C-alpha atoms as a PDB file:
ATOM      1  CA  MET A   1     -77.533-188.095  15.695  1.00  0.00           C
ATOM      2  CA  GLN A   2     -80.641-185.877  16.246  1.00  0.00           C
ATOM      3  CA  LYS A   3     -80.587-182.578  18.714  1.00  0.00           C
ATOM      4  CA  LYS A   4     -83.536-184.464  20.313  1.00  0.00           C
ATOM      5  CA  GLU A   5     -81.324-187.464  21.329  1.00  0.00           C
ATOM      6  CA  LEU A   6     -77.750-185.212  22.071  1.00  0.00           C
ATOM      7  CA  LYS A   7     -80.131-183.264  24.619  1.00  0.00           C
ATOM      8  CA  GLN A   8     -81.092-186.643  26.129  1.00  0.00           C
ATOM      9  CA  MET A   9     -77.833-187.876  26.171  1.00  0.00           C
ATOM     10  CA  GLU A  10     -76.614-184.529  27.924  1.00  0.00           C
ATOM     11  CA  ASN A  11     -79.115-185.276  30.389  1.00  0.00           C
ATOM     12  CA  LEU A  12     -78.147-188.800  30.632  1.00  0.00           C
ATOM     13  CA  LEU A  13     -74.961-187.669  31.697  1.00  0.00           C
ATOM     14  CA  LEU A  14     -75.476-184.752  33.562  1.00  0.00           C
ATOM     15  CA  ASN A  15     -77.577-186.810  35.881  1.00  0.00           C
ATOM     16  CA  LYS A  16     -74.788-189.402  35.927  1.00  0.00           C
ATOM     17  CA  LYS A  17     -72.390-186.705  36.703  1.00  0.00           C
ATOM     18  CA  ASN A  18     -74.427-185.399  39.800  1.00  0.00           C
ATOM     19  CA  VAL A  19     -74.531-188.691  41.122  1.00  0.00           C
ATOM     20  CA  LEU A  20     -71.136-189.664  40.974  1.00  0.00           C
ATOM     21  CA  LEU A  21     -70.017-186.501  42.597  1.00  0.00           C
ATOM     22  CA  GLN A  22     -72.538-187.355  45.529  1.00  0.00           C
ATOM     23  CA  GLU A  23     -70.647-190.737  45.733  1.00  0.00           C
ATOM     24  CA  VAL A  24     -67.239-188.961  45.740  1.00  0.00           C
ATOM     25  CA  GLU A  25     -68.023-186.968  48.543  1.00  0.00           C
ATOM     26  CA  ASP A  26     -69.760-189.339  50.585  1.00  0.00           C
ATOM     27  CA  ARG A  27     -67.026-191.562  50.385  1.00  0.00           C
ATOM     28  CA  PHE A  28     -64.372-189.133  51.422  1.00  0.00           C
ATOM     29  CA  LYS A  29     -66.593-187.886  54.210  1.00  0.00           C
ATOM     30  CA  LYS A  30     -66.982-192.019  55.227  1.00  0.00           C
ATOM     31  CA  TYR A  31     -62.907-191.753  55.112  1.00  0.00           C
ATOM     32  CA  ARG A  32     -62.616-188.980  57.052  1.00  0.00           C
ATOM     33  CA  ASP A  33     -64.975-189.682  59.530  1.00  0.00           C
ATOM     34  CA  ALA A  34     -63.804-193.494  59.930  1.00  0.00           C
ATOM     35  CA  ASN A  35     -60.112-192.088  60.486  1.00  0.00           C
ATOM     36  CA  SER A  36     -60.806-189.223  63.085  1.00  0.00           C
ATOM     37  CA  GLY A  37     -61.741-191.668  65.759  1.00  0.00           C
ATOM     38  CA  ARG A  38     -59.223-193.153  67.871  1.00  0.00           C
ATOM     39  CA  LEU A  39     -58.633-196.805  67.446  1.00  0.00           C
ATOM     40  CA  THR A  40     -56.812-198.804  69.893  1.00  0.00           C
ATOM     41  CA  ASP A  41     -56.592-202.309  68.668  1.00  0.00           C
ATOM     42  CA  ILE A  42     -54.001-203.750  66.040  1.00  0.00           C
ATOM     43  CA  ALA A  43     -56.947-205.294  64.339  1.00  0.00           C
ATOM     44  CA  GLU A  44     -59.695-202.508  64.461  1.00  0.00           C
ATOM     45  CA  ILE A  45     -56.605-200.373  62.882  1.00  0.00           C
ATOM     46  CA  ALA A  46     -55.774-202.503  60.193  1.00  0.00           C
ATOM     47  CA  SER A  47     -59.521-202.945  59.170  1.00  0.00           C
ATOM     48  CA  SER A  48     -59.891-199.207  58.993  1.00  0.00           C
ATOM     49  CA  VAL A  49     -56.669-198.838  56.879  1.00  0.00           C
ATOM     50  CA  LEU A  50     -57.993-201.390  54.653  1.00  0.00           C
ATOM     51  CA  ASN A  51     -61.482-199.963  54.506  1.00  0.00           C
ATOM     52  CA  GLY A  52     -60.211-196.285  53.974  1.00  0.00           C
ATOM     53  CA  GLU A  53     -58.148-197.455  51.001  1.00  0.00           C
ATOM     54  CA  LEU A  54     -60.805-199.224  49.463  1.00  0.00           C
ATOM     55  CA  GLU A  55     -63.075-196.551  49.410  1.00  0.00           C
ATOM     56  CA  ILE A  56     -60.285-194.386  47.965  1.00  0.00           C
ATOM     57  CA  LEU A  57     -59.393-196.878  45.552  1.00  0.00           C
ATOM     58  CA  VAL A  58     -63.366-196.604  44.365  1.00  0.00           C
ATOM     59  CA  ALA A  59     -63.391-192.779  44.488  1.00  0.00           C
ATOM     60  CA  GLU A  60     -60.642-192.739  41.990  1.00  0.00           C
ATOM     61  CA  GLU A  61     -62.763-194.703  39.835  1.00  0.00           C
ATOM     62  CA  ASP A  62     -65.517-192.923  40.220  1.00  0.00           C
ATOM     63  CA  ILE A  63     -62.981-189.905  39.755  1.00  0.00           C
ATOM     64  CA  ARG A  64     -61.811-191.641  36.426  1.00  0.00           C
ATOM     65  CA  GLU A  65     -65.260-191.890  35.122  1.00  0.00           C
ATOM     66  CA  LEU A  66     -66.421-188.275  35.957  1.00  0.00           C
ATOM     67  CA  LYS A  67     -63.678-187.098  33.684  1.00  0.00           C
ATOM     68  CA  GLN A  68     -64.928-189.350  31.094  1.00  0.00           C
ATOM     69  CA  ILE A  69     -68.262-187.844  31.575  1.00  0.00           C
ATOM     70  CA  GLU A  70     -66.965-184.498  31.437  1.00  0.00           C
ATOM     71  CA  ASP A  71     -65.004-185.251  27.917  1.00  0.00           C
ATOM     72  CA  ALA A  72     -68.393-186.723  26.587  1.00  0.00           C
ATOM     73  CA  LEU A  73     -70.340-183.215  27.844  1.00  0.00           C
ATOM     74  CA  ALA A  74     -67.557-181.445  25.941  1.00  0.00           C
ATOM     75  CA  ARG A  75     -67.696-183.651  22.591  1.00  0.00           C
ATOM     76  CA  ILE A  76     -71.666-182.841  22.468  1.00  0.00           C
ATOM     77  CA  LYS A  77     -70.903-179.054  22.599  1.00  0.00           C
ATOM     78  CA  ALA A  78     -68.250-179.169  20.300  1.00  0.00           C
ATOM     79  CA  GLY A  79     -70.665-181.338  17.603  1.00  0.00           C
ATOM     80  CA  HIS A  80     -68.329-184.782  18.046  1.00  0.00           C
ATOM     81  CA  TYR A  81     -70.174-186.691  20.390  1.00  0.00           C
ATOM     82  CA  GLY A  82     -70.713-190.169  18.694  1.00  0.00           C
ATOM     83  CA  VAL A  83     -68.229-189.944  16.341  1.00  0.00           C
ATOM     84  CA  CYS A  84     -65.556-192.788  16.920  1.00  0.00           C
ATOM     85  CA  GLU A  85     -61.939-191.440  17.657  1.00  0.00           C
ATOM     86  CA  GLN A  86     -60.219-194.279  15.853  1.00  0.00           C
ATOM     87  CA  CYS A  87     -61.968-194.783  12.845  1.00  0.00           C
ATOM     88  CA  GLY A  88     -64.441-191.778  12.010  1.00  0.00           C
ATOM     89  CA  ARG A  89     -67.619-193.792  11.903  1.00  0.00           C
ATOM     90  CA  PRO A  90     -70.613-193.002  13.622  1.00  0.00           C
ATOM     91  CA  ILE A  91     -71.116-194.988  17.352  1.00  0.00           C
ATOM     92  CA  LYS A  92     -74.651-196.805  17.223  1.00  0.00           C
ATOM     93  CA  LYS A  93     -76.819-195.679  19.992  1.00  0.00           C
ATOM     94  CA  ALA A  94     -77.402-198.830  21.876  1.00  0.00           C
ATOM     95  CA  ARG A  95     -73.484-198.401  22.508  1.00  0.00           C
ATOM     96  CA  LEU A  96     -73.870-194.829  23.722  1.00  0.00           C
ATOM     97  CA  LYS A  97     -76.864-195.808  25.478  1.00  0.00           C
ATOM     98  CA  ALA A  98     -74.765-198.540  27.572  1.00  0.00           C
ATOM     99  CA  ILE A  99     -71.975-196.169  27.963  1.00  0.00           C
ATOM    100  CA  PRO A 100     -72.592-192.859  27.490  1.00  0.00           C
ATOM    101  CA  PHE A 101     -69.473-191.669  27.385  1.00  0.00           C
ATOM    102  CA  ALA A 102     -67.331-194.325  24.466  1.00  0.00           C
ATOM    103  CA  THR A 103     -65.116-192.856  22.384  1.00  0.00           C
ATOM    104  CA  LEU A 104     -64.808-195.774  20.204  1.00  0.00           C
ATOM    105  CA  CYS A 105     -67.185-198.046  18.301  1.00  0.00           C
ATOM    106  CA  VAL A 106     -67.535-201.768  18.967  1.00  0.00           C
ATOM    107  CA  SER A 107     -65.007-202.857  16.201  1.00  0.00           C
ATOM    108  CA  CYS A 108     -62.503-200.585  17.232  1.00  0.00           C
ATOM    109  CA  LYS A 109     -62.908-201.190  20.951  1.00  0.00           C
ATOM    110  CA  GLU A 110     -62.294-205.115  20.062  1.00  0.00           C
ATOM    111  CA  GLU A 111     -59.594-204.419  18.320  1.00  0.00           C
ATOM    112  CA  GLU A 112     -57.944-202.039  21.087  1.00  0.00           C
ATOM    113  CA  GLU A 113     -58.549-204.840  23.835  1.00  0.00           C
ATOM    114  CA  ARG A 114     -57.120-207.788  21.454  1.00  0.00           C
ATOM    115  CA  GLU A 115     -54.082-205.642  21.096  1.00  0.00           C
ATOM    116  CA  CYS A 116     -53.985-204.815  24.603  1.00  0.00           C
ATOM    117  CA  ILE A 117     -54.239-208.813  25.162  1.00  0.00           C
ATOM    118  CA  GLU A 118     -51.348-209.711  23.039  1.00  0.00           C
ATOM    119  CA  ASN A 119     -49.452-206.936  24.458  1.00  0.00           C
ATOM    120  CA  THR A 120     -49.930-208.624  27.882  1.00  0.00           C
ATOM    121  CA  THR A 121     -49.435-211.699  26.999  1.00  0.00           C
ATOM    122  CA  GLN A 122     -46.076-211.201  25.149  1.00  0.00           C
ATOM    123  CA  THR A 123     -45.005-209.135  27.968  1.00  0.00           C
ATOM    124  CA  ARG A 124     -45.676-211.736  30.223  1.00  0.00           C
ATOM    125  CA  TYR A 125     -43.800-214.447  28.031  1.00  0.00           C
ATOM    126  CA  ASP A 126     -40.817-212.068  27.996  1.00  0.00           C
ATOM    127  CA  TRP A 127     -40.849-211.360  31.691  1.00  0.00           C
ATOM    128  CA  GLU A 128     -41.651-214.757  32.617  1.00  0.00           C
ATOM    129  CA  GLY A 129     -38.493-216.509  29.993  1.00  0.00           C
ATOM    130  CA  SER A 130     -35.938-214.025  31.018  1.00  0.00           C
ATOM    131  CA  LEU A 131     -36.875-214.823  35.001  1.00  0.00           C
ATOM    132  CA  GLY A 132     -36.578-218.694  33.884  1.00  0.00           C
ATOM    133  CA  ARG A 133     -33.272-217.698  32.576  1.00  0.00           C
ATOM    134  CA  ALA A 134     -31.927-215.856  35.480  1.00  0.00           C
ATOM    135  CA  GLU A 135     -32.701-219.009  37.230  1.00  0.00           C
ATOM    136  CA  SER A 136     -30.717-221.108  35.371  1.00  0.00           C
ATOM    137  CA  GLY A 137     -28.291-218.830  35.616  1.00  0.00           C
ATOM    138  CA  ASP A 138     -27.680-217.406  31.955  1.00  0.00           C
ATOM    139  CA  VAL A 139     -28.468-213.556  33.057  1.00  0.00           C
ATOM    140  CA  GLU A 140     -26.664-212.384  35.998  1.00  0.00           C
ATOM    141  CA  MET A 141     -28.943-211.820  39.187  1.00  0.00           C
ATOM    142  CA  GLU A 142     -28.170-207.669  39.109  1.00  0.00           C
ATOM    143  CA  GLU A 143     -29.745-207.549  35.871  1.00  0.00           C
ATOM    144  CA  MET A 144     -33.029-209.174  37.592  1.00  0.00           C
ATOM    145  CA  ASP A 145     -33.474-206.126  39.989  1.00  0.00           C
ATOM    146  CA  LYS A 146     -35.422-204.230  37.716  1.00  0.00           C
ATOM    147  CA  ARG A 147     -38.092-205.516  34.950  1.00  0.00           C
ATOM    148  CA  TYR A 148     -40.808-203.820  32.749  1.00  0.00           C
ATOM    149  CA  LEU A 149     -44.234-205.927  33.070  1.00  0.00           C
ATOM    150  CA  GLY A 150     -46.608-204.163  30.910  1.00  0.00           C
ATOM    151  CA  ASN A 151     -45.748-200.552  31.065  1.00  0.00           C
ATOM    152  CA  LYS A 152     -44.992-200.469  34.413  1.00  0.00           C
ATOM    153  CA  LEU A 153     -41.293-200.365  36.011  1.00  0.00           C
ATOM    154  CA  ILE A 154     -41.890-203.420  38.602  1.00  0.00           C
ATOM    155  CA  GLU A 155     -38.457-202.948  41.036  1.00  0.00           C
ATOM    156  CA  PHE A 156     -37.713-206.381  42.705  1.00  0.00           C
ATOM    157  CA  GLU A 157     -35.979-206.485  45.793  1.00  0.00           C
ATOM    158  CA  ARG A 158     -32.903-208.900  45.980  1.00  0.00           C
ATOM    159  CA  ASP A 159     -32.857-211.380  48.752  1.00  0.00           C
ATOM    160  CA  ASP A 160     -29.341-211.500  49.402  1.00  0.00           C
ATOM    161  CA  ASN A 161     -29.510-214.130  51.904  1.00  0.00           C
ATOM    162  CA  LYS A 162     -30.189-216.346  48.663  1.00  0.00           C
ATOM    163  CA  ASN A 163     -27.970-217.931  46.206  1.00  0.00           C
END
């Protein structure tokens, strides 16, 4: 990538970073302001909590994107910007214009997504299969207390009232 194009991408990333920083600041301010008033009605409290949680979730996503932008800016400075981290080939300019913090070329990204779908499908199949065996009595209920789903451990609370 030429120096002029790199400078354009750097400016694009810096502008995006500034916009996101302002949005995150506004979201946290909105969350803080919404929770500073006295809420008396239970519906008002529930609505405020839900809105606040939504604002925090969106802000967390913005923060993840900010991290990706910071990483892209570091790659520009290091001279590695626009190179696929998987295969080492150049990432097409059209992809970088659409996603300026992309780290994978289209082929490698598609492969990553395909593997993710396959792993998720297999995990779901394994989980559903073991649940079915537990319901049919092949697996002790104590073994059902914990199951892995994807990369996260999900803890199931047993209902001791059920047989």
